[in-house]
Amino acid sequence: MNQSDRTLQALADPARRRVVELLAEGPSRPSDIAARLGLSRPVTSRRLRTLRETGLVSVTLSTTDARERAYALQVDELAALGGWLDGLQRRWQAQLDAFAGHVARTRP
């Protein structure tokens, strides 16, 4: 399985997508993520672990309390996925443009 496959698999879960959307606003603590999304702490922890293992989020420890963590979105993986999707869209658009040109040339 390549990185794009892992990224898509991680984003297939609606709760993980909601976490990603929340973290797009800025870094957040797990307890704040759980509260804002209405998820339990264990469910949130599992979602964050999967996103971290996939490389979609990173975690930093507080300098004052080692038990406190903050999660942040890692845009590199999303940018790579976005680039792949943009390439697909360009190819589809080129095919549609070619078809439109063919129709215009062959229409009586």
PDB file of N, CA and C in Angstrom:
ATOM      1  N   MET A   1       0.857  -1.174   0.000  1.00  0.00           N
ATOM      2  CA  MET A   1       0.000   0.000   0.000  1.00  0.00           C
ATOM      3  C   MET A   1       0.905   1.239   0.000  1.00  0.00           C
ATOM      4  N   ASN A   2       0.664   2.167  -0.929  1.00  0.00           N
ATOM      5  CA  ASN A   2       1.482   3.371  -0.971  1.00  0.00           C
ATOM      6  C   ASN A   2       0.880   4.463  -0.080  1.00  0.00           C
ATOM      7  N   GLN A   3       1.581   5.589   0.020  1.00  0.00           N
ATOM      8  CA  GLN A   3       1.148   6.660   0.922  1.00  0.00           C
ATOM      9  C   GLN A   3      -0.214   7.230   0.532  1.00  0.00           C
ATOM     10  N   SER A   4      -0.470   7.379  -0.743  1.00  0.00           N
ATOM     11  CA  SER A   4      -1.788   7.890  -1.168  1.00  0.00           C
ATOM     12  C   SER A   4      -2.896   6.937  -0.743  1.00  0.00           C
ATOM     13  N   ASP A   5      -2.647   5.634  -0.849  1.00  0.00           N
ATOM     14  CA  ASP A   5      -3.645   4.654  -0.412  1.00  0.00           C
ATOM     15  C   ASP A   5      -3.897   4.776   1.082  1.00  0.00           C
ATOM     16  N   ARG A   6      -2.830   4.932   1.867  1.00  0.00           N
ATOM     17  CA  ARG A   6      -2.982   5.068   3.320  1.00  0.00           C
ATOM     18  C   ARG A   6      -3.734   6.357   3.666  1.00  0.00           C
ATOM     19  N   THR A   7      -3.424   7.426   2.951  1.00  0.00           N
ATOM     20  CA  THR A   7      -4.103   8.698   3.199  1.00  0.00           C
ATOM     21  C   THR A   7      -5.589   8.580   2.890  1.00  0.00           C
ATOM     22  N   LEU A   8      -5.914   8.008   1.738  1.00  0.00           N
ATOM     23  CA  LEU A   8      -7.326   7.840   1.371  1.00  0.00           C
ATOM     24  C   LEU A   8      -8.045   6.924   2.347  1.00  0.00           C
ATOM     25  N   GLN A   9      -7.374   5.865   2.785  1.00  0.00           N
ATOM     26  CA  GLN A   9      -7.978   4.953   3.751  1.00  0.00           C
ATOM     27  C   GLN A   9      -8.254   5.676   5.071  1.00  0.00           C
ATOM     28  N   ALA A  10      -7.317   6.503   5.509  1.00  0.00           N
ATOM     29  CA  ALA A  10      -7.514   7.249   6.757  1.00  0.00           C
ATOM     30  C   ALA A  10      -8.662   8.238   6.627  1.00  0.00           C
ATOM     31  N   LEU A  11      -8.776   8.874   5.470  1.00  0.00           N
ATOM     32  CA  LEU A  11      -9.819   9.874   5.270  1.00  0.00           C
ATOM     33  C   LEU A  11     -11.175   9.262   4.932  1.00  0.00           C
ATOM     34  N   ALA A  12     -11.227   7.948   4.750  1.00  0.00           N
ATOM     35  CA  ALA A  12     -12.502   7.286   4.453  1.00  0.00           C
ATOM     36  C   ALA A  12     -13.437   7.319   5.654  1.00  0.00           C
ATOM     37  N   ASP A  13     -12.894   7.446   6.843  1.00  0.00           N
ATOM     38  CA  ASP A  13     -13.703   7.472   8.058  1.00  0.00           C
ATOM     39  C   ASP A  13     -14.221   8.890   8.304  1.00  0.00           C
ATOM     40  N   PRO A  14     -15.541   9.081   8.414  1.00  0.00           N
ATOM     41  CA  PRO A  14     -16.097  10.428   8.607  1.00  0.00           C
ATOM     42  C   PRO A  14     -15.575  11.125   9.865  1.00  0.00           C
ATOM     43  N   ALA A  15     -15.378  10.388  10.956  1.00  0.00           N
ATOM     44  CA  ALA A  15     -14.881  11.011  12.188  1.00  0.00           C
ATOM     45  C   ALA A  15     -13.449  11.517  11.999  1.00  0.00           C
ATOM     46  N   ARG A  16     -12.620  10.771  11.276  1.00  0.00           N
ATOM     47  CA  ARG A  16     -11.251  11.239  11.026  1.00  0.00           C
ATOM     48  C   ARG A  16     -11.264  12.458  10.111  1.00  0.00           C
ATOM     49  N   ARG A  17     -12.164  12.486   9.138  1.00  0.00           N
ATOM     50  CA  ARG A  17     -12.274  13.679   8.287  1.00  0.00           C
ATOM     51  C   ARG A  17     -12.682  14.891   9.112  1.00  0.00           C
ATOM     52  N   ARG A  18     -13.574  14.701  10.067  1.00  0.00           N
ATOM     53  CA  ARG A  18     -13.990  15.808  10.934  1.00  0.00           C
ATOM     54  C   ARG A  18     -12.816  16.305  11.774  1.00  0.00           C
ATOM     55  N   VAL A  19     -11.979  15.391  12.249  1.00  0.00           N
ATOM     56  CA  VAL A  19     -10.790  15.785  13.004  1.00  0.00           C
ATOM     57  C   VAL A  19      -9.872  16.614  12.112  1.00  0.00           C
ATOM     58  N   VAL A  20      -9.654  16.162  10.878  1.00  0.00           N
ATOM     59  CA  VAL A  20      -8.804  16.897   9.939  1.00  0.00           C
ATOM     60  C   VAL A  20      -9.380  18.290   9.685  1.00  0.00           C
ATOM     61  N   GLU A  21     -10.681  18.388   9.488  1.00  0.00           N
ATOM     62  CA  GLU A  21     -11.314  19.683   9.253  1.00  0.00           C
ATOM     63  C   GLU A  21     -11.135  20.611  10.451  1.00  0.00           C
ATOM     64  N   LEU A  22     -11.260  20.063  11.646  1.00  0.00           N
ATOM     65  CA  LEU A  22     -11.074  20.855  12.854  1.00  0.00           C
ATOM     66  C   LEU A  22      -9.620  21.332  12.966  1.00  0.00           C
ATOM     67  N   LEU A  23      -8.686  20.442  12.721  1.00  0.00           N
ATOM     68  CA  LEU A  23      -7.274  20.805  12.825  1.00  0.00           C
ATOM     69  C   LEU A  23      -6.849  21.768  11.722  1.00  0.00           C
ATOM     70  N   ALA A  24      -7.619  21.866  10.650  1.00  0.00           N
ATOM     71  CA  ALA A  24      -7.327  22.858   9.614  1.00  0.00           C
ATOM     72  C   ALA A  24      -7.473  24.272  10.173  1.00  0.00           C
ATOM     73  N   GLU A  25      -8.222  24.415  11.250  1.00  0.00           N
ATOM     74  CA  GLU A  25      -8.387  25.716  11.908  1.00  0.00           C
ATOM     75  C   GLU A  25      -7.188  26.053  12.784  1.00  0.00           C
ATOM     76  N   GLY A  26      -6.409  25.056  13.172  1.00  0.00           N
ATOM     77  CA  GLY A  26      -5.238  25.269  14.017  1.00  0.00           C
ATOM     78  C   GLY A  26      -5.036  24.102  14.963  1.00  0.00           C
ATOM     79  N   PRO A  27      -3.864  24.038  15.597  1.00  0.00           N
ATOM     80  CA  PRO A  27      -3.568  22.946  16.532  1.00  0.00           C
ATOM     81  C   PRO A  27      -4.579  22.903  17.676  1.00  0.00           C
ATOM     82  N   SER A  28      -4.750  21.706  18.212  1.00  0.00           N
ATOM     83  CA  SER A  28      -5.730  21.530  19.281  1.00  0.00           C
ATOM     84  C   SER A  28      -5.343  20.358  20.168  1.00  0.00           C
ATOM     85  N   ARG A  29      -5.798  20.419  21.409  1.00  0.00           N
ATOM     86  CA  ARG A  29      -5.572  19.317  22.347  1.00  0.00           C
ATOM     87  C   ARG A  29      -6.633  18.233  22.120  1.00  0.00           C
ATOM     88  N   PRO A  30      -6.294  16.975  22.410  1.00  0.00           N
ATOM     89  CA  PRO A  30      -7.261  15.885  22.215  1.00  0.00           C
ATOM     90  C   PRO A  30      -8.585  16.111  22.950  1.00  0.00           C
ATOM     91  N   SER A  31      -8.504  16.632  24.169  1.00  0.00           N
ATOM     92  CA  SER A  31      -9.752  16.854  24.920  1.00  0.00           C
ATOM     93  C   SER A  31     -10.623  17.904  24.244  1.00  0.00           C
ATOM     94  N   ASP A  32     -10.001  18.925  23.666  1.00  0.00           N
ATOM     95  CA  ASP A  32     -10.773  19.951  22.951  1.00  0.00           C
ATOM     96  C   ASP A  32     -11.380  19.386  21.667  1.00  0.00           C
ATOM     97  N   ILE A  33     -10.624  18.537  20.978  1.00  0.00           N
ATOM     98  CA  ILE A  33     -11.139  17.906  19.756  1.00  0.00           C
ATOM     99  C   ILE A  33     -12.344  17.041  20.097  1.00  0.00           C
ATOM    100  N   ALA A  34     -12.210  16.230  21.140  1.00  0.00           N
ATOM    101  CA  ALA A  34     -13.310  15.354  21.558  1.00  0.00           C
ATOM    102  C   ALA A  34     -14.551  16.168  21.902  1.00  0.00           C
ATOM    103  N   ALA A  35     -14.375  17.249  22.648  1.00  0.00           N
ATOM    104  CA  ALA A  35     -15.513  18.074  23.052  1.00  0.00           C
ATOM    105  C   ALA A  35     -16.170  18.745  21.851  1.00  0.00           C
ATOM    106  N   ARG A  36     -15.369  19.294  20.957  1.00  0.00           N
ATOM    107  CA  ARG A  36     -15.938  20.008  19.802  1.00  0.00           C
ATOM    108  C   ARG A  36     -16.653  19.082  18.832  1.00  0.00           C
ATOM    109  N   LEU A  37     -16.170  17.831  18.733  1.00  0.00           N
ATOM    110  CA  LEU A  37     -16.781  16.898  17.789  1.00  0.00           C
ATOM    111  C   LEU A  37     -17.808  15.974  18.441  1.00  0.00           C
ATOM    112  N   GLY A  38     -17.953  16.063  19.748  1.00  0.00           N
ATOM    113  CA  GLY A  38     -18.915  15.219  20.443  1.00  0.00           C
ATOM    114  C   GLY A  38     -18.514  13.757  20.464  1.00  0.00           C
ATOM    115  N   LEU A  39     -17.210  13.505  20.501  1.00  0.00           N
ATOM    116  CA  LEU A  39     -16.694  12.141  20.546  1.00  0.00           C
ATOM    117  C   LEU A  39     -16.137  11.860  21.932  1.00  0.00           C
ATOM    118  N   SER A  40     -16.100  10.599  22.312  1.00  0.00           N
ATOM    119  CA  SER A  40     -15.475  10.249  23.582  1.00  0.00           C
ATOM    120  C   SER A  40     -13.962  10.375  23.440  1.00  0.00           C
ATOM    121  N   ARG A  41     -13.270  10.483  24.559  1.00  0.00           N
ATOM    122  CA  ARG A  41     -11.801  10.592  24.521  1.00  0.00           C
ATOM    123  C   ARG A  41     -11.164   9.356  23.891  1.00  0.00           C
ATOM    124  N   PRO A  42     -11.619   8.112  24.238  1.00  0.00           N
ATOM    125  CA  PRO A  42     -11.005   6.937  23.602  1.00  0.00           C
ATOM    126  C   PRO A  42     -11.210   6.912  22.080  1.00  0.00           C
ATOM    127  N   VAL A  43     -12.396   7.279  21.620  1.00  0.00           N
ATOM    128  CA  VAL A  43     -12.667   7.308  20.177  1.00  0.00           C
ATOM    129  C   VAL A  43     -11.772   8.353  19.513  1.00  0.00           C
ATOM    130  N   THR A  44     -11.661   9.502  20.134  1.00  0.00           N
ATOM    131  CA  THR A  44     -10.803  10.561  19.596  1.00  0.00           C
ATOM    132  C   THR A  44      -9.355  10.109  19.543  1.00  0.00           C
ATOM    133  N   SER A  45      -8.893   9.452  20.596  1.00  0.00           N
ATOM    134  CA  SER A  45      -7.508   8.970  20.633  1.00  0.00           C
ATOM    135  C   SER A  45      -7.226   7.988  19.509  1.00  0.00           C
ATOM    136  N   ARG A  46      -8.171   7.090  19.248  1.00  0.00           N
ATOM    137  CA  ARG A  46      -7.978   6.127  18.149  1.00  0.00           C
ATOM    138  C   ARG A  46      -7.923   6.846  16.805  1.00  0.00           C
ATOM    139  N   ARG A  47      -8.796   7.834  16.604  1.00  0.00           N
ATOM    140  CA  ARG A  47      -8.787   8.578  15.349  1.00  0.00           C
ATOM    141  C   ARG A  47      -7.475   9.341  15.174  1.00  0.00           C
ATOM    142  N   LEU A  48      -7.016   9.968  16.254  1.00  0.00           N
ATOM    143  CA  LEU A  48      -5.764  10.722  16.190  1.00  0.00           C
ATOM    144  C   LEU A  48      -4.570   9.802  15.948  1.00  0.00           C
ATOM    145  N   ARG A  49      -4.572   8.625  16.554  1.00  0.00           N
ATOM    146  CA  ARG A  49      -3.465   7.691  16.347  1.00  0.00           C
ATOM    147  C   ARG A  49      -3.386   7.275  14.873  1.00  0.00           C
ATOM    148  N   THR A  50      -4.518   6.965  14.276  1.00  0.00           N
ATOM    149  CA  THR A  50      -4.525   6.589  12.857  1.00  0.00           C
ATOM    150  C   THR A  50      -4.030   7.740  11.988  1.00  0.00           C
ATOM    151  N   LEU A  51      -4.500   8.944  12.255  1.00  0.00           N
ATOM    152  CA  LEU A  51      -4.068  10.103  11.473  1.00  0.00           C
ATOM    153  C   LEU A  51      -2.577  10.380  11.669  1.00  0.00           C
ATOM    154  N   ARG A  52      -2.089  10.179  12.883  1.00  0.00           N
ATOM    155  CA  ARG A  52      -0.657  10.371  13.155  1.00  0.00           C
ATOM    156  C   ARG A  52       0.180   9.334  12.429  1.00  0.00           C
ATOM    157  N   GLU A  53      -0.246   8.067  12.475  1.00  0.00           N
ATOM    158  CA  GLU A  53       0.489   6.991  11.802  1.00  0.00           C
ATOM    159  C   GLU A  53       0.494   7.173  10.291  1.00  0.00           C
ATOM    160  N   THR A  54      -0.522   7.815   9.762  1.00  0.00           N
ATOM    161  CA  THR A  54      -0.619   8.063   8.330  1.00  0.00           C
ATOM    162  C   THR A  54       0.204   9.285   7.919  1.00  0.00           C
ATOM    163  N   GLY A  55       0.565  10.112   8.889  1.00  0.00           N
ATOM    164  CA  GLY A  55       1.333  11.314   8.605  1.00  0.00           C
ATOM    165  C   GLY A  55       0.477  12.536   8.354  1.00  0.00           C
ATOM    166  N   LEU A  56      -0.824  12.424   8.613  1.00  0.00           N
ATOM    167  CA  LEU A  56      -1.721  13.557   8.384  1.00  0.00           C
ATOM    168  C   LEU A  56      -1.702  14.557   9.530  1.00  0.00           C
ATOM    169  N   VAL A  57      -1.327  14.110  10.715  1.00  0.00           N
ATOM    170  CA  VAL A  57      -1.211  15.014  11.855  1.00  0.00           C
ATOM    171  C   VAL A  57       0.098  14.738  12.580  1.00  0.00           C
ATOM    172  N   SER A  58       0.547  15.743  13.311  1.00  0.00           N
ATOM    173  CA  SER A  58       1.716  15.574  14.172  1.00  0.00           C
ATOM    174  C   SER A  58       1.301  15.934  15.586  1.00  0.00           C
ATOM    175  N   VAL A  59       2.085  15.491  16.542  1.00  0.00           N
ATOM    176  CA  VAL A  59       1.790  15.768  17.947  1.00  0.00           C
ATOM    177  C   VAL A  59       3.013  16.415  18.583  1.00  0.00           C
ATOM    178  N   THR A  60       2.754  17.399  19.410  1.00  0.00           N
ATOM    179  CA  THR A  60       3.824  18.016  20.193  1.00  0.00           C
ATOM    180  C   THR A  60       3.437  17.944  21.662  1.00  0.00           C
ATOM    181  N   LEU A  61       4.444  17.726  22.492  1.00  0.00           N
ATOM    182  CA  LEU A  61       4.235  17.682  23.935  1.00  0.00           C
ATOM    183  C   LEU A  61       4.423  19.071  24.515  1.00  0.00           C
ATOM    184  N   SER A  62       3.651  19.366  25.523  1.00  0.00           N
ATOM    185  CA  SER A  62       3.775  20.640  26.220  1.00  0.00           C
ATOM    186  C   SER A  62       5.132  20.702  26.911  1.00  0.00           C
ATOM    187  N   THR A  63       5.713  21.878  26.950  1.00  0.00           N
ATOM    188  CA  THR A  63       6.995  22.038  27.638  1.00  0.00           C
ATOM    189  C   THR A  63       6.818  22.098  29.140  1.00  0.00           C
ATOM    190  N   THR A  64       5.587  22.341  29.602  1.00  0.00           N
ATOM    191  CA  THR A  64       5.340  22.449  31.041  1.00  0.00           C
ATOM    192  C   THR A  64       4.697  21.214  31.637  1.00  0.00           C
ATOM    193  N   ASP A  65       3.993  20.434  30.829  1.00  0.00           N
ATOM    194  CA  ASP A  65       3.302  19.244  31.333  1.00  0.00           C
ATOM    195  C   ASP A  65       3.408  18.142  30.279  1.00  0.00           C
ATOM    196  N   ALA A  66       4.202  17.116  30.547  1.00  0.00           N
ATOM    197  CA  ALA A  66       4.452  16.050  29.576  1.00  0.00           C
ATOM    198  C   ALA A  66       3.195  15.260  29.229  1.00  0.00           C
ATOM    199  N   ARG A  67       2.152  15.391  30.054  1.00  0.00           N
ATOM    200  CA  ARG A  67       0.909  14.673  29.759  1.00  0.00           C
ATOM    201  C   ARG A  67       0.056  15.415  28.736  1.00  0.00           C
ATOM    202  N   GLU A  68       0.348  16.673  28.520  1.00  0.00           N
ATOM    203  CA  GLU A  68      -0.462  17.484  27.618  1.00  0.00           C
ATOM    204  C   GLU A  68       0.135  17.481  26.212  1.00  0.00           C
ATOM    205  N   ARG A  69      -0.732  17.218  25.251  1.00  0.00           N
ATOM    206  CA  ARG A  69      -0.324  17.136  23.852  1.00  0.00           C
ATOM    207  C   ARG A  69      -1.180  18.073  23.013  1.00  0.00           C
ATOM    208  N   ALA A  70      -0.593  18.491  21.903  1.00  0.00           N
ATOM    209  CA  ALA A  70      -1.352  19.277  20.925  1.00  0.00           C
ATOM    210  C   ALA A  70      -1.134  18.630  19.564  1.00  0.00           C
ATOM    211  N   TYR A  71      -2.207  18.476  18.827  1.00  0.00           N
ATOM    212  CA  TYR A  71      -2.150  17.889  17.487  1.00  0.00           C
ATOM    213  C   TYR A  71      -2.284  18.992  16.451  1.00  0.00           C
ATOM    214  N   ALA A  72      -1.540  18.831  15.362  1.00  0.00           N
ATOM    215  CA  ALA A  72      -1.579  19.809  14.268  1.00  0.00           C
ATOM    216  C   ALA A  72      -1.657  19.067  12.946  1.00  0.00           C
ATOM    217  N   LEU A  73      -2.319  19.681  12.004  1.00  0.00           N
ATOM    218  CA  LEU A  73      -2.456  19.111  10.668  1.00  0.00           C
ATOM    219  C   LEU A  73      -1.130  19.220   9.917  1.00  0.00           C
ATOM    220  N   GLN A  74      -0.764  18.168   9.210  1.00  0.00           N
ATOM    221  CA  GLN A  74       0.430  18.152   8.362  1.00  0.00           C
ATOM    222  C   GLN A  74      -0.044  18.248   6.920  1.00  0.00           C
ATOM    223  N   VAL A  75       0.185  19.367   6.300  1.00  0.00           N
ATOM    224  CA  VAL A  75      -0.401  19.619   4.989  1.00  0.00           C
ATOM    225  C   VAL A  75       0.319  18.902   3.850  1.00  0.00           C
ATOM    226  N   ASP A  76       1.525  18.385   4.081  1.00  0.00           N
ATOM    227  CA  ASP A  76       2.269  17.735   2.998  1.00  0.00           C
ATOM    228  C   ASP A  76       1.499  16.573   2.390  1.00  0.00           C
ATOM    229  N   GLU A  77       0.947  15.711   3.237  1.00  0.00           N
ATOM    230  CA  GLU A  77       0.211  14.550   2.723  1.00  0.00           C
ATOM    231  C   GLU A  77      -1.062  14.982   1.994  1.00  0.00           C
ATOM    232  N   LEU A  78      -1.740  15.984   2.531  1.00  0.00           N
ATOM    233  CA  LEU A  78      -2.947  16.478   1.864  1.00  0.00           C
ATOM    234  C   LEU A  78      -2.595  17.168   0.554  1.00  0.00           C
ATOM    235  N   ALA A  79      -1.471  17.875   0.534  1.00  0.00           N
ATOM    236  CA  ALA A  79      -1.046  18.534  -0.704  1.00  0.00           C
ATOM    237  C   ALA A  79      -0.708  17.499  -1.771  1.00  0.00           C
ATOM    238  N   ALA A  80      -0.061  16.408  -1.369  1.00  0.00           N
ATOM    239  CA  ALA A  80       0.263  15.349  -2.328  1.00  0.00           C
ATOM    240  C   ALA A  80      -1.012  14.736  -2.891  1.00  0.00           C
ATOM    241  N   LEU A  81      -1.984  14.490  -2.024  1.00  0.00           N
ATOM    242  CA  LEU A  81      -3.264  13.948  -2.476  1.00  0.00           C
ATOM    243  C   LEU A  81      -3.974  14.954  -3.376  1.00  0.00           C
ATOM    244  N   GLY A  82      -3.933  16.231  -3.012  1.00  0.00           N
ATOM    245  CA  GLY A  82      -4.540  17.266  -3.839  1.00  0.00           C
ATOM    246  C   GLY A  82      -3.893  17.348  -5.213  1.00  0.00           C
ATOM    247  N   GLY A  83      -2.576  17.193  -5.260  1.00  0.00           N
ATOM    248  CA  GLY A  83      -1.875  17.197  -6.548  1.00  0.00           C
ATOM    249  C   GLY A  83      -2.313  16.046  -7.432  1.00  0.00           C
ATOM    250  N   TRP A  84      -2.480  14.886  -6.830  1.00  0.00           N
ATOM    251  CA  TRP A  84      -2.938  13.706  -7.575  1.00  0.00           C
ATOM    252  C   TRP A  84      -4.346  13.946  -8.127  1.00  0.00           C
ATOM    253  N   LEU A  85      -5.229  14.493  -7.287  1.00  0.00           N
ATOM    254  CA  LEU A  85      -6.599  14.777  -7.725  1.00  0.00           C
ATOM    255  C   LEU A  85      -6.620  15.850  -8.810  1.00  0.00           C
ATOM    256  N   ASP A  86      -5.775  16.868  -8.673  1.00  0.00           N
ATOM    257  CA  ASP A  86      -5.692  17.908  -9.708  1.00  0.00           C
ATOM    258  C   ASP A  86      -5.260  17.318 -11.049  1.00  0.00           C
ATOM    259  N   GLY A  87      -4.304  16.378 -11.016  1.00  0.00           N
ATOM    260  CA  GLY A  87      -3.863  15.724 -12.249  1.00  0.00           C
ATOM    261  C   GLY A  87      -4.995  14.949 -12.909  1.00  0.00           C
ATOM    262  N   LEU A  88      -5.782  14.245 -12.098  1.00  0.00           N
ATOM    263  CA  LEU A  88      -6.942  13.523 -12.645  1.00  0.00           C
ATOM    264  C   LEU A  88      -7.935  14.491 -13.274  1.00  0.00           C
ATOM    265  N   GLN A  89      -8.191  15.585 -12.588  1.00  0.00           N
ATOM    266  CA  GLN A  89      -9.152  16.554 -13.094  1.00  0.00           C
ATOM    267  C   GLN A  89      -8.667  17.161 -14.412  1.00  0.00           C
ATOM    268  N   ARG A  90      -7.387  17.461 -14.526  1.00  0.00           N
ATOM    269  CA  ARG A  90      -6.858  18.006 -15.781  1.00  0.00           C
ATOM    270  C   ARG A  90      -7.036  17.012 -16.929  1.00  0.00           C
ATOM    271  N   ARG A  91      -6.783  15.721 -16.661  1.00  0.00           N
ATOM    272  CA  ARG A  91      -6.954  14.706 -17.713  1.00  0.00           C
ATOM    273  C   ARG A  91      -8.421  14.584 -18.113  1.00  0.00           C
ATOM    274  N   TRP A  92      -9.328  14.581 -17.139  1.00  0.00           N
ATOM    275  CA  TRP A  92     -10.758  14.504 -17.459  1.00  0.00           C
ATOM    276  C   TRP A  92     -11.185  15.723 -18.256  1.00  0.00           C
ATOM    277  N   GLN A  93     -10.711  16.888 -17.858  1.00  0.00           N
ATOM    278  CA  GLN A  93     -11.091  18.112 -18.562  1.00  0.00           C
ATOM    279  C   GLN A  93     -10.557  18.093 -19.985  1.00  0.00           C
ATOM    280  N   ALA A  94      -9.343  17.589 -20.183  1.00  0.00           N
ATOM    281  CA  ALA A  94      -8.783  17.496 -21.536  1.00  0.00           C
ATOM    282  C   ALA A  94      -9.639  16.570 -22.404  1.00  0.00           C
ATOM    283  N   GLN A  95     -10.104  15.447 -21.833  1.00  0.00           N
ATOM    284  CA  GLN A  95     -10.961  14.543 -22.587  1.00  0.00           C
ATOM    285  C   GLN A  95     -12.297  15.198 -22.920  1.00  0.00           C
ATOM    286  N   LEU A  96     -12.880  15.918 -21.976  1.00  0.00           N
ATOM    287  CA  LEU A  96     -14.147  16.612 -22.235  1.00  0.00           C
ATOM    288  C   LEU A  96     -13.966  17.695 -23.291  1.00  0.00           C
ATOM    289  N   ASP A  97     -12.853  18.427 -23.211  1.00  0.00           N
ATOM    290  CA  ASP A  97     -12.587  19.464 -24.219  1.00  0.00           C
ATOM    291  C   ASP A  97     -12.423  18.847 -25.601  1.00  0.00           C
ATOM    292  N   ALA A  98     -11.714  17.715 -25.667  1.00  0.00           N
ATOM    293  CA  ALA A  98     -11.530  17.041 -26.955  1.00  0.00           C
ATOM    294  C   ALA A  98     -12.868  16.560 -27.501  1.00  0.00           C
ATOM    295  N   PHE A  99     -13.715  16.017 -26.641  1.00  0.00           N
ATOM    296  CA  PHE A  99     -15.036  15.565 -27.069  1.00  0.00           C
ATOM    297  C   PHE A  99     -15.880  16.748 -27.552  1.00  0.00           C
ATOM    298  N   ALA A 100     -15.843  17.865 -26.812  1.00  0.00           N
ATOM    299  CA  ALA A 100     -16.604  19.061 -27.222  1.00  0.00           C
ATOM    300  C   ALA A 100     -16.112  19.560 -28.576  1.00  0.00           C
ATOM    301  N   GLY A 101     -14.806  19.521 -28.775  1.00  0.00           N
ATOM    302  CA  GLY A 101     -14.254  19.924 -30.077  1.00  0.00           C
ATOM    303  C   GLY A 101     -14.701  19.008 -31.189  1.00  0.00           C
ATOM    304  N   HIS A 102     -14.712  17.710 -30.928  1.00  0.00           N
ATOM    305  CA  HIS A 102     -15.170  16.729 -31.922  1.00  0.00           C
ATOM    306  C   HIS A 102     -16.635  16.971 -32.279  1.00  0.00           C
ATOM    307  N   VAL A 103     -17.471  17.189 -31.276  1.00  0.00           N
ATOM    308  CA  VAL A 103     -18.891  17.435 -31.513  1.00  0.00           C
ATOM    309  C   VAL A 103     -19.065  18.702 -32.350  1.00  0.00           C
ATOM    310  N   ALA A 104     -18.316  19.748 -32.006  1.00  0.00           N
ATOM    311  CA  ALA A 104     -18.433  21.014 -32.737  1.00  0.00           C
ATOM    312  C   ALA A 104     -18.007  20.843 -34.200  1.00  0.00           C
ATOM    313  N   ARG A 105     -16.975  20.030 -34.460  1.00  0.00           N
ATOM    314  CA  ARG A 105     -16.490  19.852 -35.828  1.00  0.00           C
ATOM    315  C   ARG A 105     -17.411  18.958 -36.648  1.00  0.00           C
ATOM    316  N   THR A 106     -18.066  18.017 -36.014  1.00  0.00           N
ATOM    317  CA  THR A 106     -18.859  17.022 -36.761  1.00  0.00           C
ATOM    318  C   THR A 106     -20.354  17.339 -36.770  1.00  0.00           C
ATOM    319  N   ARG A 107     -20.782  18.340 -36.059  1.00  0.00           N
ATOM    320  CA  ARG A 107     -22.202  18.680 -36.020  1.00  0.00           C
ATOM    321  C   ARG A 107     -22.587  19.340 -37.340  1.00  0.00           C
ATOM    322  N   PRO A 108     -23.680  18.877 -37.961  1.00  0.00           N
ATOM    323  CA  PRO A 108     -24.098  19.460 -39.258  1.00  0.00           C
ATOM    324  C   PRO A 108     -24.604  20.878 -39.110  1.00  0.00           C
TER     325      PRO A 108
END
